[in-house]
């Protein structure tokens, strides 16, 4: 029986405040810490976080400390209990006892996550959100794709951080693809700059992640002008096998007919920059040559 977590809930606003590692840890913790049925407290060990999210123990501990400093999480002192009454006393002692912190977005995230989970259990989501539009847009990130199947399974060429980012981006795109199909649209589009702003990652990082997802068969896309049209986003099953290489340039299937050819060569002597002791006449000649070749 597999008792590992299948997915975590993230939001596009989460990355305005947290790194991708912190976002994974906080999303996992918040699922338990926002639930009144679970006492609104997270009680799991570092090993549990590692097993479910595909991180090393040092990475998990460091992320928790960072989240506490940012007031997204706060430590809770476990109640004093008699040792003989605890069946699993060691697990209780080594577990993290965490609650949602005082940060505004952390509280907003946890409140709406709690509402969403409660409505899903009751089966009243459609009716509730018609009159109470959510202030947080959630999407599922399927962390099962990052979980190891055995203790011997390790990351390929230290690819953990890139693949964690890729999986978060996939979760966002998969959610948008679902809603697009639900409203009878064959595809949806986003620009690199838009995705860069959402995740607070560089444009080149976004391009590499998109190409990684494509190479793993998880998305199909085409590029027209500055927008990426996502034609298909597939469910992810396994991501831990890694990727072959990072590719920054997006492969466009839409070619412009009147693209100017850039195969000309300019003689190096024609654009030779004047030296530091050159006369004003030599500088003027160089400037006129630059204008002639449309370099200025």
C-alpha atoms as a PDB file:
ATOM      1  CA  UNK A   1       0.000   0.000   0.000  1.00  0.00           C
ATOM      2  CA  UNK A   2       1.385   3.413  -0.957  1.00  0.00           C
ATOM      3  CA  UNK A   3       0.776   5.893   1.864  1.00  0.00           C
ATOM      4  CA  UNK A   4       2.700   8.738   0.236  1.00  0.00           C
ATOM      5  CA  UNK A   5       1.098  12.061  -0.614  1.00  0.00           C
ATOM      6  CA  UNK A   6       0.004  12.200  -4.259  1.00  0.00           C
ATOM      7  CA  UNK A   7      -0.093  15.965  -4.691  1.00  0.00           C
ATOM      8  CA  UNK A   8       0.141  19.311  -2.909  1.00  0.00           C
ATOM      9  CA  UNK A   9      -1.898  22.456  -3.514  1.00  0.00           C
ATOM     10  CA  UNK A  10       0.058  25.505  -4.660  1.00  0.00           C
ATOM     11  CA  UNK A  11      -1.053  28.943  -5.851  1.00  0.00           C
ATOM     12  CA  UNK A  12       0.380  31.343  -8.397  1.00  0.00           C
ATOM     13  CA  UNK A  13       0.725  34.012  -5.676  1.00  0.00           C
ATOM     14  CA  UNK A  14       2.915  31.781  -3.522  1.00  0.00           C
ATOM     15  CA  UNK A  15       6.036  32.389  -5.594  1.00  0.00           C
ATOM     16  CA  UNK A  16       5.909  36.134  -4.987  1.00  0.00           C
ATOM     17  CA  UNK A  17       7.061  35.387  -1.451  1.00  0.00           C
ATOM     18  CA  UNK A  18       8.825  32.009  -1.506  1.00  0.00           C
ATOM     19  CA  UNK A  19      11.421  30.053  -3.446  1.00  0.00           C
ATOM     20  CA  UNK A  20      10.263  26.857  -5.130  1.00  0.00           C
ATOM     21  CA  UNK A  21      11.708  24.748  -2.285  1.00  0.00           C
ATOM     22  CA  UNK A  22       9.941  26.824   0.363  1.00  0.00           C
ATOM     23  CA  UNK A  23       6.730  26.672  -1.702  1.00  0.00           C
ATOM     24  CA  UNK A  24       6.807  22.849  -1.736  1.00  0.00           C
ATOM     25  CA  UNK A  25       7.459  22.609   2.013  1.00  0.00           C
ATOM     26  CA  UNK A  26       4.860  25.240   2.925  1.00  0.00           C
ATOM     27  CA  UNK A  27       2.183  23.713   0.658  1.00  0.00           C
ATOM     28  CA  UNK A  28       2.717  20.292   2.223  1.00  0.00           C
ATOM     29  CA  UNK A  29       2.671  21.655   5.789  1.00  0.00           C
ATOM     30  CA  UNK A  30      -0.314  23.942   5.145  1.00  0.00           C
ATOM     31  CA  UNK A  31      -2.488  21.014   4.008  1.00  0.00           C
ATOM     32  CA  UNK A  32      -2.366  19.638   7.574  1.00  0.00           C
ATOM     33  CA  UNK A  33      -1.916  22.880   9.495  1.00  0.00           C
ATOM     34  CA  UNK A  34      -5.068  24.465   8.022  1.00  0.00           C
ATOM     35  CA  UNK A  35      -7.346  21.528   8.814  1.00  0.00           C
ATOM     36  CA  UNK A  36      -9.414  21.812  12.003  1.00  0.00           C
ATOM     37  CA  UNK A  37      -9.949  18.036  11.948  1.00  0.00           C
ATOM     38  CA  UNK A  38      -6.194  17.632  12.381  1.00  0.00           C
ATOM     39  CA  UNK A  39      -5.959  20.218  15.147  1.00  0.00           C
ATOM     40  CA  UNK A  40      -4.581  22.873  12.752  1.00  0.00           C
ATOM     41  CA  UNK A  41      -1.079  21.614  13.400  1.00  0.00           C
ATOM     42  CA  UNK A  42       1.480  19.778  11.286  1.00  0.00           C
ATOM     43  CA  UNK A  43       3.204  16.851  12.987  1.00  0.00           C
ATOM     44  CA  UNK A  44       5.554  14.995  10.663  1.00  0.00           C
ATOM     45  CA  UNK A  45       9.230  14.084  10.692  1.00  0.00           C
ATOM     46  CA  UNK A  46      11.938  15.383   8.382  1.00  0.00           C
ATOM     47  CA  UNK A  47      12.101  11.897   6.849  1.00  0.00           C
ATOM     48  CA  UNK A  48       8.401  12.088   5.954  1.00  0.00           C
ATOM     49  CA  UNK A  49       8.898  15.398   4.153  1.00  0.00           C
ATOM     50  CA  UNK A  50      11.890  13.980   2.280  1.00  0.00           C
ATOM     51  CA  UNK A  51       9.970  10.860   1.221  1.00  0.00           C
ATOM     52  CA  UNK A  52       6.938  12.786  -0.016  1.00  0.00           C
ATOM     53  CA  UNK A  53       8.628  15.751  -1.692  1.00  0.00           C
ATOM     54  CA  UNK A  54      11.871  14.273  -3.001  1.00  0.00           C
ATOM     55  CA  UNK A  55      14.219  16.530  -1.018  1.00  0.00           C
ATOM     56  CA  UNK A  56      17.251  15.829   1.128  1.00  0.00           C
ATOM     57  CA  UNK A  57      16.994  16.202   4.914  1.00  0.00           C
ATOM     58  CA  UNK A  58      19.286  19.247   4.951  1.00  0.00           C
ATOM     59  CA  UNK A  59      17.171  20.963   2.286  1.00  0.00           C
ATOM     60  CA  UNK A  60      13.984  20.328   4.289  1.00  0.00           C
ATOM     61  CA  UNK A  61      15.433  21.645   7.556  1.00  0.00           C
ATOM     62  CA  UNK A  62      16.859  24.728   5.864  1.00  0.00           C
ATOM     63  CA  UNK A  63      13.538  25.491   4.141  1.00  0.00           C
ATOM     64  CA  UNK A  64      11.601  25.174   7.402  1.00  0.00           C
ATOM     65  CA  UNK A  65      13.962  27.582   9.140  1.00  0.00           C
ATOM     66  CA  UNK A  66      13.566  30.040   6.265  1.00  0.00           C
ATOM     67  CA  UNK A  67       9.761  29.771   6.376  1.00  0.00           C
ATOM     68  CA  UNK A  68       9.807  30.473  10.102  1.00  0.00           C
ATOM     69  CA  UNK A  69      11.965  33.570   9.553  1.00  0.00           C
ATOM     70  CA  UNK A  70       9.523  34.778   6.886  1.00  0.00           C
ATOM     71  CA  UNK A  71       6.612  34.227   9.337  1.00  0.00           C
ATOM     72  CA  UNK A  72       4.955  31.692   7.030  1.00  0.00           C
ATOM     73  CA  UNK A  73       5.285  29.032   9.716  1.00  0.00           C
ATOM     74  CA  UNK A  74       5.675  29.056  13.472  1.00  0.00           C
ATOM     75  CA  UNK A  75       6.868  26.329  15.797  1.00  0.00           C
ATOM     76  CA  UNK A  76       4.425  24.983  18.337  1.00  0.00           C
ATOM     77  CA  UNK A  77       5.664  23.561  21.635  1.00  0.00           C
ATOM     78  CA  UNK A  78       4.229  20.048  21.951  1.00  0.00           C
ATOM     79  CA  UNK A  79       2.239  19.424  25.149  1.00  0.00           C
ATOM     80  CA  UNK A  80       3.974  17.660  27.991  1.00  0.00           C
ATOM     81  CA  UNK A  81       2.915  14.033  28.191  1.00  0.00           C
ATOM     82  CA  UNK A  82       3.776  11.068  30.313  1.00  0.00           C
ATOM     83  CA  UNK A  83       6.355   8.997  28.467  1.00  0.00           C
ATOM     84  CA  UNK A  84       4.734   5.649  29.268  1.00  0.00           C
ATOM     85  CA  UNK A  85       1.459   6.652  27.585  1.00  0.00           C
ATOM     86  CA  UNK A  86       3.029   7.336  24.188  1.00  0.00           C
ATOM     87  CA  UNK A  87       2.972   4.322  21.902  1.00  0.00           C
ATOM     88  CA  UNK A  88       5.287   5.985  19.380  1.00  0.00           C
ATOM     89  CA  UNK A  89       7.195   8.295  21.695  1.00  0.00           C
ATOM     90  CA  UNK A  90      10.316   8.569  19.522  1.00  0.00           C
ATOM     91  CA  UNK A  91       8.334   9.650  16.436  1.00  0.00           C
ATOM     92  CA  UNK A  92       6.532  12.258  18.532  1.00  0.00           C
ATOM     93  CA  UNK A  93       9.813  13.681  19.811  1.00  0.00           C
ATOM     94  CA  UNK A  94      11.522  13.995  16.426  1.00  0.00           C
ATOM     95  CA  UNK A  95       8.476  15.354  14.585  1.00  0.00           C
ATOM     96  CA  UNK A  96       8.158  18.994  13.584  1.00  0.00           C
ATOM     97  CA  UNK A  97       5.251  20.733  15.320  1.00  0.00           C
ATOM     98  CA  UNK A  98       4.319  23.585  12.997  1.00  0.00           C
ATOM     99  CA  UNK A  99       1.406  25.984  12.576  1.00  0.00           C
ATOM    100  CA  UNK A 100       0.595  28.687  10.037  1.00  0.00           C
ATOM    101  CA  UNK A 101       2.512  31.876  10.760  1.00  0.00           C
ATOM    102  CA  UNK A 102       1.433  35.524  10.886  1.00  0.00           C
ATOM    103  CA  UNK A 103       2.354  36.498   7.320  1.00  0.00           C
ATOM    104  CA  UNK A 104      -0.707  37.914   5.510  1.00  0.00           C
ATOM    105  CA  UNK A 105      -0.409  35.700   2.457  1.00  0.00           C
ATOM    106  CA  UNK A 106       0.302  32.590   4.550  1.00  0.00           C
ATOM    107  CA  UNK A 107      -2.907  33.197   6.503  1.00  0.00           C
ATOM    108  CA  UNK A 108      -4.892  33.918   3.327  1.00  0.00           C
ATOM    109  CA  UNK A 109      -3.522  30.786   1.631  1.00  0.00           C
ATOM    110  CA  UNK A 110      -4.355  28.595   4.644  1.00  0.00           C
ATOM    111  CA  UNK A 111      -7.858  30.063   5.091  1.00  0.00           C
ATOM    112  CA  UNK A 112      -8.883  29.469   1.474  1.00  0.00           C
ATOM    113  CA  UNK A 113      -7.229  26.047   1.395  1.00  0.00           C
ATOM    114  CA  UNK A 114      -9.244  25.098   4.477  1.00  0.00           C
ATOM    115  CA  UNK A 115     -12.449  26.367   2.824  1.00  0.00           C
ATOM    116  CA  UNK A 116     -11.697  24.492  -0.396  1.00  0.00           C
ATOM    117  CA  UNK A 117     -10.999  21.197   1.394  1.00  0.00           C
ATOM    118  CA  UNK A 118     -14.138  21.586   3.499  1.00  0.00           C
ATOM    119  CA  UNK A 119     -16.313  22.287   0.437  1.00  0.00           C
ATOM    120  CA  UNK A 120     -14.796  19.355  -1.459  1.00  0.00           C
ATOM    121  CA  UNK A 121     -15.654  17.002   1.410  1.00  0.00           C
ATOM    122  CA  UNK A 122     -19.210  18.291   1.549  1.00  0.00           C
ATOM    123  CA  UNK A 123     -19.587  18.252  -2.226  1.00  0.00           C
ATOM    124  CA  UNK A 124     -20.840  21.852  -2.233  1.00  0.00           C
ATOM    125  CA  UNK A 125     -17.978  23.569  -4.098  1.00  0.00           C
ATOM    126  CA  UNK A 126     -20.023  24.760  -7.106  1.00  0.00           C
ATOM    127  CA  UNK A 127     -22.723  26.383  -5.000  1.00  0.00           C
ATOM    128  CA  UNK A 128     -20.270  27.955  -2.562  1.00  0.00           C
ATOM    129  CA  UNK A 129     -17.951  29.598  -5.098  1.00  0.00           C
ATOM    130  CA  UNK A 130     -20.844  31.104  -7.077  1.00  0.00           C
ATOM    131  CA  UNK A 131     -21.446  33.527  -4.228  1.00  0.00           C
ATOM    132  CA  UNK A 132     -17.959  33.430  -2.657  1.00  0.00           C
ATOM    133  CA  UNK A 133     -15.262  33.791  -5.328  1.00  0.00           C
ATOM    134  CA  UNK A 134     -11.924  32.521  -4.097  1.00  0.00           C
ATOM    135  CA  UNK A 135      -9.161  35.029  -3.466  1.00  0.00           C
ATOM    136  CA  UNK A 136      -6.511  32.350  -4.037  1.00  0.00           C
ATOM    137  CA  UNK A 137      -6.188  30.327  -7.243  1.00  0.00           C
ATOM    138  CA  UNK A 138      -4.969  26.809  -6.377  1.00  0.00           C
ATOM    139  CA  UNK A 139      -3.494  24.149  -8.618  1.00  0.00           C
ATOM    140  CA  UNK A 140      -2.303  20.621  -7.911  1.00  0.00           C
ATOM    141  CA  UNK A 141       1.368  19.680  -8.153  1.00  0.00           C
ATOM    142  CA  UNK A 142       1.706  15.897  -8.451  1.00  0.00           C
ATOM    143  CA  UNK A 143       4.666  15.183  -6.174  1.00  0.00           C
ATOM    144  CA  UNK A 144       4.386  11.434  -6.784  1.00  0.00           C
ATOM    145  CA  UNK A 145       6.464  12.106  -9.911  1.00  0.00           C
ATOM    146  CA  UNK A 146       9.386  13.111  -7.679  1.00  0.00           C
ATOM    147  CA  UNK A 147       9.161  10.295  -5.140  1.00  0.00           C
ATOM    148  CA  UNK A 148      11.728   7.503  -5.269  1.00  0.00           C
ATOM    149  CA  UNK A 149      10.550   3.933  -5.659  1.00  0.00           C
ATOM    150  CA  UNK A 150      13.437   2.476  -3.663  1.00  0.00           C
ATOM    151  CA  UNK A 151      16.210   3.621  -1.339  1.00  0.00           C
ATOM    152  CA  UNK A 152      18.793   3.025  -4.067  1.00  0.00           C
ATOM    153  CA  UNK A 153      17.096   5.399  -6.497  1.00  0.00           C
ATOM    154  CA  UNK A 154      18.863   8.757  -6.614  1.00  0.00           C
ATOM    155  CA  UNK A 155      18.691  11.906  -8.705  1.00  0.00           C
ATOM    156  CA  UNK A 156      20.332  11.844 -12.095  1.00  0.00           C
ATOM    157  CA  UNK A 157      23.199  14.345 -12.251  1.00  0.00           C
ATOM    158  CA  UNK A 158      21.898  16.450  -9.363  1.00  0.00           C
ATOM    159  CA  UNK A 159      18.801  17.572 -11.268  1.00  0.00           C
ATOM    160  CA  UNK A 160      16.537  18.023  -8.241  1.00  0.00           C
ATOM    161  CA  UNK A 161      16.020  21.779  -8.315  1.00  0.00           C
ATOM    162  CA  UNK A 162      15.291  22.004 -12.043  1.00  0.00           C
ATOM    163  CA  UNK A 163      12.812  19.121 -11.919  1.00  0.00           C
ATOM    164  CA  UNK A 164      11.028  20.515  -8.863  1.00  0.00           C
ATOM    165  CA  UNK A 165      10.564  23.766 -10.786  1.00  0.00           C
ATOM    166  CA  UNK A 166       9.447  21.858 -13.870  1.00  0.00           C
ATOM    167  CA  UNK A 167       6.824  19.961 -11.865  1.00  0.00           C
ATOM    168  CA  UNK A 168       5.457  23.175 -10.326  1.00  0.00           C
ATOM    169  CA  UNK A 169       5.188  24.749 -13.782  1.00  0.00           C
ATOM    170  CA  UNK A 170       3.527  21.577 -15.079  1.00  0.00           C
ATOM    171  CA  UNK A 171       0.932  21.761 -12.298  1.00  0.00           C
ATOM    172  CA  UNK A 172       0.104  25.341 -13.259  1.00  0.00           C
ATOM    173  CA  UNK A 173      -0.153  24.508 -16.985  1.00  0.00           C
ATOM    174  CA  UNK A 174      -2.128  21.311 -16.386  1.00  0.00           C
ATOM    175  CA  UNK A 175      -4.694  23.252 -14.347  1.00  0.00           C
ATOM    176  CA  UNK A 176      -5.015  25.928 -17.032  1.00  0.00           C
ATOM    177  CA  UNK A 177      -5.315  23.245 -19.704  1.00  0.00           C
ATOM    178  CA  UNK A 178      -8.105  21.547 -17.760  1.00  0.00           C
ATOM    179  CA  UNK A 179     -10.159  24.727 -17.523  1.00  0.00           C
ATOM    180  CA  UNK A 180      -9.450  25.569 -21.152  1.00  0.00           C
ATOM    181  CA  UNK A 181     -10.816  22.195 -22.317  1.00  0.00           C
ATOM    182  CA  UNK A 182     -13.774  22.550 -19.987  1.00  0.00           C
ATOM    183  CA  UNK A 183     -14.731  25.751 -21.794  1.00  0.00           C
ATOM    184  CA  UNK A 184     -14.254  24.098 -25.211  1.00  0.00           C
ATOM    185  CA  UNK A 185     -10.970  25.793 -26.099  1.00  0.00           C
ATOM    186  CA  UNK A 186      -8.456  23.649 -27.978  1.00  0.00           C
ATOM    187  CA  UNK A 187      -5.486  25.454 -26.429  1.00  0.00           C
ATOM    188  CA  UNK A 188      -4.471  28.323 -24.207  1.00  0.00           C
ATOM    189  CA  UNK A 189      -1.524  30.683 -24.429  1.00  0.00           C
ATOM    190  CA  UNK A 190       0.920  32.412 -22.110  1.00  0.00           C
ATOM    191  CA  UNK A 191       3.968  34.543 -22.779  1.00  0.00           C
ATOM    192  CA  UNK A 192       7.390  33.806 -21.301  1.00  0.00           C
ATOM    193  CA  UNK A 193       7.346  37.180 -19.541  1.00  0.00           C
ATOM    194  CA  UNK A 194       3.959  36.368 -17.957  1.00  0.00           C
ATOM    195  CA  UNK A 195       5.154  33.001 -16.619  1.00  0.00           C
ATOM    196  CA  UNK A 196       8.382  34.637 -15.466  1.00  0.00           C
ATOM    197  CA  UNK A 197       6.356  37.159 -13.436  1.00  0.00           C
ATOM    198  CA  UNK A 198       4.095  34.466 -11.942  1.00  0.00           C
ATOM    199  CA  UNK A 199       6.924  32.230 -10.738  1.00  0.00           C
ATOM    200  CA  UNK A 200       9.559  34.920 -10.214  1.00  0.00           C
ATOM    201  CA  UNK A 201      12.024  32.944 -12.338  1.00  0.00           C
ATOM    202  CA  UNK A 202      14.139  34.328 -15.162  1.00  0.00           C
ATOM    203  CA  UNK A 203      12.815  34.115 -18.758  1.00  0.00           C
ATOM    204  CA  UNK A 204      15.632  31.718 -19.671  1.00  0.00           C
ATOM    205  CA  UNK A 205      14.675  29.456 -16.772  1.00  0.00           C
ATOM    206  CA  UNK A 206      11.067  29.415 -18.007  1.00  0.00           C
ATOM    207  CA  UNK A 207      12.207  28.487 -21.524  1.00  0.00           C
ATOM    208  CA  UNK A 208      14.417  25.672 -20.223  1.00  0.00           C
ATOM    209  CA  UNK A 209      11.593  24.309 -18.078  1.00  0.00           C
ATOM    210  CA  UNK A 210       9.157  24.351 -21.008  1.00  0.00           C
ATOM    211  CA  UNK A 211      11.640  22.503 -23.211  1.00  0.00           C
ATOM    212  CA  UNK A 212      12.290  19.968 -20.447  1.00  0.00           C
ATOM    213  CA  UNK A 213       8.558  19.297 -20.109  1.00  0.00           C
ATOM    214  CA  UNK A 214       8.337  18.915 -23.879  1.00  0.00           C
ATOM    215  CA  UNK A 215      11.285  16.497 -24.014  1.00  0.00           C
ATOM    216  CA  UNK A 216       9.608  14.375 -21.333  1.00  0.00           C
ATOM    217  CA  UNK A 217       6.414  14.214 -23.407  1.00  0.00           C
ATOM    218  CA  UNK A 218       4.342  16.239 -20.929  1.00  0.00           C
ATOM    219  CA  UNK A 219       3.424  19.192 -23.145  1.00  0.00           C
ATOM    220  CA  UNK A 220       3.007  20.120 -26.799  1.00  0.00           C
ATOM    221  CA  UNK A 221       3.335  23.734 -27.830  1.00  0.00           C
ATOM    222  CA  UNK A 222       3.972  26.123 -30.677  1.00  0.00           C
ATOM    223  CA  UNK A 223       5.268  29.681 -30.628  1.00  0.00           C
ATOM    224  CA  UNK A 224       3.716  32.569 -32.508  1.00  0.00           C
ATOM    225  CA  UNK A 225       5.158  36.038 -32.046  1.00  0.00           C
ATOM    226  CA  UNK A 226       5.764  36.337 -28.290  1.00  0.00           C
ATOM    227  CA  UNK A 227       3.132  33.894 -27.048  1.00  0.00           C
ATOM    228  CA  UNK A 228       3.365  30.171 -26.423  1.00  0.00           C
ATOM    229  CA  UNK A 229       0.291  28.197 -27.457  1.00  0.00           C
ATOM    230  CA  UNK A 230       0.008  25.107 -25.266  1.00  0.00           C
ATOM    231  CA  UNK A 231      -1.815  22.559 -27.406  1.00  0.00           C
ATOM    232  CA  UNK A 232      -1.650  19.647 -24.953  1.00  0.00           C
ATOM    233  CA  UNK A 233      -0.639  19.170 -21.312  1.00  0.00           C
ATOM    234  CA  UNK A 234      -0.457  15.513 -20.253  1.00  0.00           C
ATOM    235  CA  UNK A 235      -0.736  14.058 -16.769  1.00  0.00           C
ATOM    236  CA  UNK A 236       2.667  13.458 -15.211  1.00  0.00           C
ATOM    237  CA  UNK A 237       3.564  10.017 -13.891  1.00  0.00           C
ATOM    238  CA  UNK A 238       7.320  10.027 -13.398  1.00  0.00           C
ATOM    239  CA  UNK A 239       9.812  12.879 -13.484  1.00  0.00           C
ATOM    240  CA  UNK A 240      12.656  11.496 -11.412  1.00  0.00           C
ATOM    241  CA  UNK A 241      14.356   9.839 -14.396  1.00  0.00           C
ATOM    242  CA  UNK A 242      15.738  13.264 -15.311  1.00  0.00           C
ATOM    243  CA  UNK A 243      16.437  14.948 -18.624  1.00  0.00           C
ATOM    244  CA  UNK A 244      19.203  14.835 -21.209  1.00  0.00           C
ATOM    245  CA  UNK A 245      20.105  18.533 -21.472  1.00  0.00           C
ATOM    246  CA  UNK A 246      18.883  22.059 -20.798  1.00  0.00           C
ATOM    247  CA  UNK A 247      17.628  23.919 -23.885  1.00  0.00           C
ATOM    248  CA  UNK A 248      16.953  27.660 -23.712  1.00  0.00           C
ATOM    249  CA  UNK A 249      15.638  28.393 -27.209  1.00  0.00           C
ATOM    250  CA  UNK A 250      11.979  27.620 -27.812  1.00  0.00           C
ATOM    251  CA  UNK A 251      11.298  25.647 -30.984  1.00  0.00           C
ATOM    252  CA  UNK A 252       8.791  27.594 -33.048  1.00  0.00           C
ATOM    253  CA  UNK A 253       6.460  25.848 -35.498  1.00  0.00           C
ATOM    254  CA  UNK A 254       5.093  29.122 -36.823  1.00  0.00           C
ATOM    255  CA  UNK A 255       7.599  30.728 -39.168  1.00  0.00           C
ATOM    256  CA  UNK A 256       7.274  34.266 -40.442  1.00  0.00           C
ATOM    257  CA  UNK A 257       7.265  34.513 -44.238  1.00  0.00           C
ATOM    258  CA  UNK A 258       9.027  37.840 -44.524  1.00  0.00           C
ATOM    259  CA  UNK A 259      11.826  37.173 -42.071  1.00  0.00           C
ATOM    260  CA  UNK A 260      14.971  39.060 -43.115  1.00  0.00           C
ATOM    261  CA  UNK A 261      17.978  36.878 -43.872  1.00  0.00           C
ATOM    262  CA  UNK A 262      20.881  37.445 -41.531  1.00  0.00           C
ATOM    263  CA  UNK A 263      23.592  35.691 -43.542  1.00  0.00           C
ATOM    264  CA  UNK A 264      25.537  38.757 -44.638  1.00  0.00           C
ATOM    265  CA  UNK A 265      29.036  39.464 -43.407  1.00  0.00           C
ATOM    266  CA  UNK A 266      30.504  42.872 -42.778  1.00  0.00           C
ATOM    267  CA  UNK A 267      34.213  43.220 -43.425  1.00  0.00           C
ATOM    268  CA  UNK A 268      36.020  43.580 -40.150  1.00  0.00           C
ATOM    269  CA  UNK A 269      38.045  46.515 -41.524  1.00  0.00           C
ATOM    270  CA  UNK A 270      34.886  48.496 -42.352  1.00  0.00           C
ATOM    271  CA  UNK A 271      33.795  48.607 -38.726  1.00  0.00           C
ATOM    272  CA  UNK A 272      37.148  48.822 -37.057  1.00  0.00           C
ATOM    273  CA  UNK A 273      36.724  50.972 -33.967  1.00  0.00           C
ATOM    274  CA  UNK A 274      39.137  53.936 -33.719  1.00  0.00           C
ATOM    275  CA  UNK A 275      41.804  53.726 -31.055  1.00  0.00           C
ATOM    276  CA  UNK A 276      41.977  55.911 -27.936  1.00  0.00           C
ATOM    277  CA  UNK A 277      44.263  58.422 -29.689  1.00  0.00           C
ATOM    278  CA  UNK A 278      42.197  58.686 -32.892  1.00  0.00           C
ATOM    279  CA  UNK A 279      41.333  62.097 -34.336  1.00  0.00           C
ATOM    280  CA  UNK A 280      37.767  63.518 -34.398  1.00  0.00           C
ATOM    281  CA  UNK A 281      37.693  62.875 -38.152  1.00  0.00           C
ATOM    282  CA  UNK A 282      38.383  59.167 -37.623  1.00  0.00           C
ATOM    283  CA  UNK A 283      35.608  58.944 -35.014  1.00  0.00           C
ATOM    284  CA  UNK A 284      33.193  60.709 -37.406  1.00  0.00           C
ATOM    285  CA  UNK A 285      34.095  58.254 -40.187  1.00  0.00           C
ATOM    286  CA  UNK A 286      33.484  55.306 -37.874  1.00  0.00           C
ATOM    287  CA  UNK A 287      30.081  56.700 -36.870  1.00  0.00           C
ATOM    288  CA  UNK A 288      29.046  57.134 -40.503  1.00  0.00           C
ATOM    289  CA  UNK A 289      30.080  53.526 -41.213  1.00  0.00           C
ATOM    290  CA  UNK A 290      27.954  52.330 -38.253  1.00  0.00           C
ATOM    291  CA  UNK A 291      24.960  54.243 -39.635  1.00  0.00           C
ATOM    292  CA  UNK A 292      25.501  52.815 -43.096  1.00  0.00           C
ATOM    293  CA  UNK A 293      25.350  49.277 -41.671  1.00  0.00           C
ATOM    294  CA  UNK A 294      22.382  50.208 -39.444  1.00  0.00           C
ATOM    295  CA  UNK A 295      24.287  49.465 -36.272  1.00  0.00           C
ATOM    296  CA  UNK A 296      23.017  52.653 -34.554  1.00  0.00           C
END
